[in-house]
Amino acid sequence: MPFAIEPGQTIVFVGDSITDCGRRAQAAPLGEGYVRMINDLITARYPELNPQVINVGIGGNTVLDLFNRWSDDVIRHRPDWVSVKIGINDVHRWLMNGQEPVPPQRFAELYDRILDRLRQETSAKLVLVDPFYISTDRSPDSFRARVLEHLPAYLQVVEDMAKRYDARHVRTHQVFQKLLDRYPADRFCPEPVHPYPGGHLVIAHEWLRVMGW
């Protein structure tokens, strides 16, 4: 399978803090995480492609936040590709009864609406990245165990959307869970959500693999 990115294409990465990763501060404009790694690895292996990589991740975002800023931060760039990585804050707020919680049904509704807008208003192709949780904690009544119990409902939404919109699907949660069979979680992250650089490299590697790297 040839690499999916063509010369000069625009790739917009949208999501939460894992995508943001300092792109609005000390690590502008691409952040210090998987988005920068993807850009650098494409440059190293395919220098002739010279894509325009745009990071519009914002820490703390849910799919509702993406819905509210979709026009300004995604559609206006007229992208050739849009990579969406969202969901872990949705799970957290729902389980914690936080402000503007996004239960699975609402997650599916809003996700579908933003992708439908993208299909109607642009010719962009899609890459959908699973939310992940780098933990194997199944302790009774622990919050981490609750996240792992309820995350599959959100993962199913991403899988359904990938099929509906003919998107490339990056199964990051599955990849991390396989790695946790061999390595402790703190090899990849200080807590289950925000990876170390090595964890971001796992995301970048899987993203590129799905794209035909």
Protein backbone atom coordinates (compact mmCIF):
# COMPACT_ATOMS: atom_id res chain seq x y z
CA MET A 1 0.00 0.00 0.00
CA PRO A 2 1.55 3.34 -1.03
CA PHE A 3 1.77 6.17 1.47
CA ALA A 4 -1.56 8.00 1.42
CA ILE A 5 -0.27 11.58 1.65
CA GLU A 6 0.33 13.31 -1.68
CA PRO A 7 2.70 16.22 -2.39
CA GLY A 8 1.68 19.57 -0.90
CA GLN A 9 -1.44 18.32 0.84
CA THR A 10 -2.83 20.02 3.95
CA ILE A 11 -3.30 17.83 7.04
CA VAL A 12 -5.25 19.22 10.00
CA PHE A 13 -4.86 17.47 13.36
CA VAL A 14 -7.67 18.24 15.78
CA GLY A 15 -8.28 16.96 19.28
CA ASP A 16 -7.58 17.44 22.97
CA SER A 17 -4.42 17.89 25.07
CA ILE A 18 -2.70 14.86 23.56
CA THR A 19 -2.86 16.56 20.17
CA ASP A 20 -2.27 20.06 21.57
CA CYS A 21 0.86 19.08 23.53
CA GLY A 22 2.16 22.64 23.90
CA ARG A 23 1.38 23.83 20.39
CA ARG A 24 -0.20 27.04 21.77
CA ALA A 25 2.77 27.81 24.02
CA GLN A 26 6.39 26.73 24.22
CA ALA A 27 6.17 24.23 21.36
CA ALA A 28 4.25 26.26 18.78
CA PRO A 29 3.00 25.57 16.19
CA LEU A 30 2.98 21.75 16.12
CA GLY A 31 3.44 20.83 19.78
CA GLU A 32 5.90 18.35 21.25
CA GLY A 33 3.87 15.20 20.68
CA TYR A 34 2.73 12.84 17.98
CA VAL A 35 1.78 15.59 15.49
CA ARG A 36 5.33 16.95 15.40
CA MET A 37 6.72 13.41 15.21
CA ILE A 38 4.50 12.57 12.26
CA ASN A 39 5.55 15.77 10.49
CA ASP A 40 9.24 15.12 11.13
CA LEU A 41 9.07 11.49 10.07
CA ILE A 42 7.26 12.35 6.84
CA THR A 43 9.94 14.97 6.15
CA ALA A 44 12.72 12.47 6.84
CA ARG A 45 11.33 9.67 4.67
CA TYR A 46 9.41 11.58 2.01
CA PRO A 47 11.03 15.03 1.71
CA GLU A 48 9.42 15.55 -1.68
CA LEU A 49 5.90 15.55 -0.17
CA ASN A 50 6.28 18.75 1.90
CA PRO A 51 2.76 18.64 3.39
CA GLN A 52 1.28 21.56 5.29
CA VAL A 53 0.69 20.17 8.77
CA ILE A 54 -1.66 22.17 11.03
CA ASN A 55 -2.24 21.37 14.69
CA VAL A 56 -5.47 22.75 16.18
CA GLY A 57 -5.64 20.55 19.28
CA ILE A 58 -6.82 22.21 22.51
CA GLY A 59 -6.30 20.69 25.94
CA GLY A 60 -9.45 19.65 27.78
CA ASN A 61 -11.62 19.45 24.66
CA THR A 62 -14.51 17.06 24.18
CA VAL A 63 -16.32 16.36 20.93
CA LEU A 64 -18.73 19.15 21.94
CA ASP A 65 -15.83 21.60 21.86
CA LEU A 66 -14.84 20.36 18.42
CA PHE A 67 -18.42 20.84 17.27
CA ASN A 68 -18.38 24.44 18.51
CA ARG A 69 -15.13 25.39 16.77
CA TRP A 70 -15.32 23.18 13.67
CA SER A 71 -15.79 26.02 11.15
CA ASP A 72 -12.99 28.27 12.37
CA ASP A 73 -10.41 25.65 13.29
CA VAL A 74 -10.96 22.89 10.73
CA ILE A 75 -13.14 23.69 7.72
CA ARG A 76 -11.61 27.10 6.98
CA HIS A 77 -8.25 25.45 6.22
CA ARG A 78 -9.81 23.54 3.30
CA PRO A 79 -7.83 20.46 4.31
CA ASP A 80 -7.02 17.43 2.22
CA TRP A 81 -6.87 15.29 5.36
CA VAL A 82 -8.34 15.72 8.84
CA SER A 83 -7.08 13.60 11.72
CA VAL A 84 -9.46 13.53 14.72
CA LYS A 85 -8.39 12.26 18.14
CA ILE A 86 -11.05 12.88 20.75
CA GLY A 87 -12.94 11.04 23.48
CA ILE A 88 -11.06 10.60 26.75
CA ASN A 89 -12.31 13.89 28.22
CA ASP A 90 -15.81 12.89 27.15
CA VAL A 91 -15.49 9.69 29.18
CA HIS A 92 -14.05 11.49 32.20
CA ARG A 93 -16.72 14.20 32.35
CA TRP A 94 -19.52 11.70 31.97
CA LEU A 95 -18.20 9.47 34.76
CA MET A 96 -17.49 12.44 37.03
CA ASN A 97 -20.79 14.22 36.28
CA GLY A 98 -18.70 17.17 35.15
CA GLN A 99 -19.73 20.29 33.30
CA GLU A 100 -21.32 19.53 29.91
CA PRO A 101 -20.90 15.73 30.15
CA VAL A 102 -20.83 13.75 26.91
CA PRO A 103 -22.30 10.25 27.36
CA PRO A 104 -21.76 7.72 24.55
CA GLN A 105 -24.99 8.49 22.67
CA ARG A 106 -24.23 12.23 22.68
CA PHE A 107 -20.64 11.49 21.66
CA ALA A 108 -21.92 9.55 18.65
CA GLU A 109 -24.39 12.26 17.67
CA LEU A 110 -21.86 15.10 17.77
CA TYR A 111 -19.10 13.07 16.14
CA ASP A 112 -21.42 12.21 13.28
CA ARG A 113 -22.44 15.85 12.85
CA ILE A 114 -18.89 17.21 12.56
CA LEU A 115 -17.86 14.49 10.12
CA ASP A 116 -20.98 15.01 8.04
CA ARG A 117 -20.21 18.74 7.83
CA LEU A 118 -16.69 17.94 6.70
CA ARG A 119 -18.02 15.64 3.99
CA GLN A 120 -20.59 18.19 2.83
CA GLU A 121 -18.29 21.24 2.84
CA THR A 122 -14.86 19.88 1.88
CA SER A 123 -13.26 17.03 -0.03
CA ALA A 124 -11.09 16.05 2.94
CA LYS A 125 -10.27 12.45 3.73
CA LEU A 126 -10.40 11.30 7.34
CA VAL A 127 -8.17 9.66 9.89
CA LEU A 128 -9.95 8.76 13.13
CA VAL A 129 -7.75 8.06 16.15
CA ASP A 130 -9.17 6.10 19.08
CA PRO A 131 -9.18 7.58 22.57
CA PHE A 132 -6.94 5.44 24.76
CA TYR A 133 -6.26 4.78 28.42
CA ILE A 134 -2.84 3.44 29.37
CA SER A 135 -3.82 1.32 32.37
CA THR A 136 -4.68 -2.25 33.27
CA ASP A 137 -6.25 -1.37 36.63
CA ARG A 138 -9.30 -3.55 37.29
CA SER A 139 -9.47 -2.84 41.03
CA PRO A 140 -13.05 -2.84 42.36
CA ASP A 141 -14.53 0.65 42.41
CA SER A 142 -11.36 2.44 41.23
CA PHE A 143 -11.85 5.31 38.82
CA ARG A 144 -9.34 3.83 36.39
CA ALA A 145 -11.29 0.58 36.30
CA ARG A 146 -14.47 2.53 35.59
CA VAL A 147 -12.83 4.31 32.68
CA LEU A 148 -11.65 1.00 31.23
CA GLU A 149 -15.16 -0.41 31.68
CA HIS A 150 -16.90 2.42 29.84
CA LEU A 151 -14.28 3.36 27.24
CA PRO A 152 -15.35 0.56 24.82
CA ALA A 153 -18.67 2.33 24.18
CA TYR A 154 -16.72 5.34 22.88
CA LEU A 155 -14.33 3.15 20.93
CA GLN A 156 -17.33 1.56 19.22
CA VAL A 157 -18.51 5.01 18.14
CA VAL A 158 -15.14 5.73 16.51
CA GLU A 159 -15.21 2.37 14.74
CA ASP A 160 -18.76 3.03 13.50
CA MET A 161 -17.78 6.50 12.26
CA ALA A 162 -14.69 5.14 10.50
CA LYS A 163 -16.87 2.69 8.58
CA ARG A 164 -19.57 5.26 7.85
CA TYR A 165 -17.14 7.86 6.51
CA ASP A 166 -14.59 5.50 4.91
CA ALA A 167 -11.89 6.81 7.25
CA ARG A 168 -8.50 5.41 8.15
CA HIS A 169 -8.83 4.06 11.70
CA VAL A 170 -5.93 4.28 14.16
CA ARG A 171 -6.62 1.87 17.03
CA THR A 172 -4.32 3.40 19.63
CA HIS A 173 -6.07 1.90 22.68
CA GLN A 174 -5.65 -1.59 21.26
CA VAL A 175 -1.97 -0.93 20.52
CA PHE A 176 -1.24 0.36 24.02
CA GLN A 177 -3.10 -2.53 25.66
CA LYS A 178 -0.94 -5.01 23.71
CA LEU A 179 2.20 -3.17 24.80
CA LEU A 180 1.02 -3.36 28.42
CA ASP A 181 1.24 -7.15 28.15
CA ARG A 182 5.02 -6.68 28.04
CA TYR A 183 5.80 -3.34 29.66
CA PRO A 184 4.58 -1.39 32.69
CA ALA A 185 2.35 1.61 32.02
CA ASP A 186 4.98 4.05 33.28
CA ARG A 187 7.13 3.08 30.32
CA PHE A 188 4.70 5.16 28.23
CA CYS A 189 3.06 7.70 30.56
CA PRO A 190 3.10 9.19 34.07
CA GLU A 191 -0.66 8.61 34.31
CA PRO A 192 -3.10 6.91 31.92
CA VAL A 193 -3.92 9.89 29.66
CA HIS A 194 -0.88 12.02 28.81
CA PRO A 195 2.00 10.05 27.26
CA TYR A 196 5.72 10.57 27.59
CA PRO A 197 7.55 11.14 24.27
CA GLY A 198 7.84 7.37 23.93
CA GLY A 199 4.06 7.06 24.16
CA HIS A 200 3.60 9.78 21.57
CA LEU A 201 5.99 7.85 19.32
CA VAL A 202 3.68 4.83 19.62
CA ILE A 203 0.78 7.00 18.42
CA ALA A 204 2.82 8.49 15.58
CA HIS A 205 4.07 5.07 14.47
CA GLU A 206 0.58 3.59 14.38
CA TRP A 207 -0.83 6.64 12.56
CA LEU A 208 1.85 6.38 9.90
CA ARG A 209 1.44 2.60 9.61
CA VAL A 210 -2.28 2.99 8.94
CA MET A 211 -1.41 5.56 6.26
CA GLY A 212 0.86 3.13 4.41
CA TRP A 213 4.20 4.22 5.86
